[in-house]
């Protein structure tokens, strides 16, 4: 076949490097089995011939460097291109990225012999086929291959062949191969790096010597993590970044607080010396910390720092559950990027803020919340324009070696499934670490995607400073004990480069130790024997006041009209349109306002008050039970319409997102969002209440105790569908007992409502309290079958006046006060089941029913006032659908006994069980009927 390579229209003219190699492979396949190729590809070969000129040299035109390759060299050219691609894709396996040099290098894919090549073969390959923009000193294929090896097998290694987008791959490759990746540092920059490393190491040495035996989870071995973060801060300041959000576990945290958050040395030492550290806060207010009354260990604490250039850096508070802070910080970052003070979707600027998420090498592949968070990188409701992930890689987890820790080659491998570029860097090369920081920052700025830096070092001591690692990991630690620190190595390098003398390097260390000793001497002067008393802030102790939450009828009428007025060209699904149009009926004296209708009206009124709203959940837009419909879809075009974006007088944004199928990371994200934007009403809805089981650590570590541990305020709302309706153990219980067990110190509100009006008012109350000192999270055990129940519905007047009522009395019951002998207490669905049985109360003069809408704080005073009205009552009884060891009985019983005095306290419900509910619908009906019969039988 003749070649048309010289044809100006040939598609091969613009193809070089690895892309040319791919086309050459396809041409080989075309010659052997053309039917295996895509027909369009085969047609190109038929029309234009091979991708390079295979005519004899004498007859070949010389338009390009690719022309003139002899026919018998075609295979060698292809092999050379394959070798170049192997270096790019697999060079990391042969790279010098391990400071201890204790990991084998795999060079098998990089050997010339593996491709049937000799050095002479490579010398005859044009450079342009291997490098698109080769440096001037690269004159042949052999030099090109050597150059590629020097780039891809040095102390920085790259993995990017898993990225689908060609533009990204080409950008990364060009950055590396152009030499731009490794900028030369001037003497001043090198001195700054050494000074920082001296402080990082000196801080750890001082703590180790001064506070013997105290845990600090030393950074030593990955000291250059601080160099990396410091460079990211510098770059951020240059670009005008407003906020940097940092999430990390305990290892190295104290050093990051000291040298990135600029928490003063004396303030840090005060924590070790058990001296109140507030005295040592900088007078310029550049460092801010919050504390709870109960407190936490120092290596869980966070802080905020505002740099002289105005960039605010926050290190998030974090418990010992390592990676669990990642989605929290992602949520904080999203909140910092959004402008929520106008109607519609919140405007977002990813350049305003970004997250640095520091991971552990054992935890990154081991904890599922990591991949849950990585999954957010391009999801519209959760993306943040890219996070910079850093694995502080100690090559060990506590005492567990890598072979017992993961199934992947690198701890970073899970990130590749999300097309995240991975850069491995030797932590003993500070200048390489600076280069990597610059590369990662620029990539994030350009592509708005996550990037991962695997900072490989070691751990100089055991898991904590009291462990002896030689017991369990002798080979590793014999090597570590003989290995010089990165400060020592870099000090020698700068001395050899004559940037500093050896004496100056030593003086720098001595001066740093003197500075720290002076700071500690200052702390010792402030030591006292005063005992720290635990005092709960008065605003927290007092709890919520009764705030008016009604909305004028005229406002509700107009709001309802706005919600039901759609563009003339919008075609809603017919059945749904008819259902929603019925929401006009309650305003015309017909029917009731159901649960979802009350919710939407509450949202509208809250937006008019100026509070933004963010609602997420696996089916939040429609609602799991097809009840909400906050987002409408045009039946013909699929276009979305959000009626709450078009209401009159809205002063804030509204968003509702269907979340990924995850619980822990979503709840953590929403908690973080609310912590950062305390004006927003942030709501997470579980698909079913028991799905919150998967987010239990968020409840335990952050939501229930964040205020008492760290002084971190949150007004997050959690909707947990709950109700025993014969749907089996996994779709019945929101595990109410767990939230009540953790209820103390006014840490949150737990409600199990039986009234749409009360739902309207509790949402309004929560929004009004958002920026108050007394704010706390709100857990609402929300209904399923009650969503459309007529006894739950509200009249318009119920929304126009009043406030949230912690207790409701059953209408028609308890009217003959002297006849009442038994007072039944119930909440949620059980209260409605009882109401259906008693109807208007006829025949039940001897009983009264009280609905406890707010379980915590328990409304003892209001219940006491009700009980006092019935002088002949003999029994106070709690009625619930959950088993006796679950639900709210064990929580409510002590309160009822205190109220009851000499009256009996009884329980009506299921017996103790290990599983929440029956697995058979008929069994459920029988048991439910038994409970109601027992409670309502005199």
Foldseek 3Di string as FASTA:
>chain_A
DAAQLVPPPQPLPPDAALRLLVQLVVLVVCVVPVVPDDVVSNVSCVVGNRSEHQDAQVPWDPPDLRYHDHNVLSLLLSLLSQLLVCCQAPLQQQADAAQLPPDDRDCPSNDQVVSPDDLVSFQPHALRRHDVDAPPVDGTRSSSSVLSSCQARYQKHWHQPLFPDPVLVVVVVCCRRVVVLQDDDDLVVLVVLLLQLLLLVLLVVCCCVPLPPDWQQELFFLSLVLVLVVLLVVVLLVLVAAEEEEEWAQHCQLVCCCRVQVPDLLLSVCLSVVFHSPVPPDPVPQKAFFFFLQADRPSQGKIWGQDPSNHIYIYDRHDNPTQLLLLLSLLLLQLQQWDWQAFAATDGDLSRYEYEYEHELLVCQPPPLNVVNLVQCPDVVRHRLEHEYEHSYQQADQLHHPVVRDDDPGSPVVNSVSSAMEMRGHSLDSSSSSSVSVVQVVSSVVRSGYHYYYHHTHRQQGSTNVDHNCVRPVVVNVSSVVRDTSSVVSLVVCCVVVSDNNVVSVVSSVVSNVVSVVSNVVSVVRDDPDDRDRDHDPLLLVFADFDKQFAALVLLLQQLVLLLDDDPPFAFDVVVNVVSVCLCQLVVVDAFQFQQNLVSSLQLVLQLVRAEEEEEEQPFCCALQSQHNQWTARPVPRDIDGSSSGGPNGRTYYDYYNGPPAAQSVVSSQQSNCLNVLLHAYEYEYSALCSCVRNVCCVVPPQQCVCNHGVGAGAHEYEHAADDQLQAQRRHHSQQQVNLVSDDSSQEWEFAAQASLLVSQVSSSSSVCSPPSNHGYYYYHDYRVRRPPRSRGHRSVSRRTGHRDQKDWQAQECPPQAQAAEEEEEEHPLLVVLCVVCPNPPPQNNYIYMYRGIPPVGPLVVVLVVVVSRPNHQEYEYEDAWAPVTDCCVVCVVSCCVSQPNHYYYYQYHHDDPGTHDNGSVVSVVRSVVSSCVVRPD
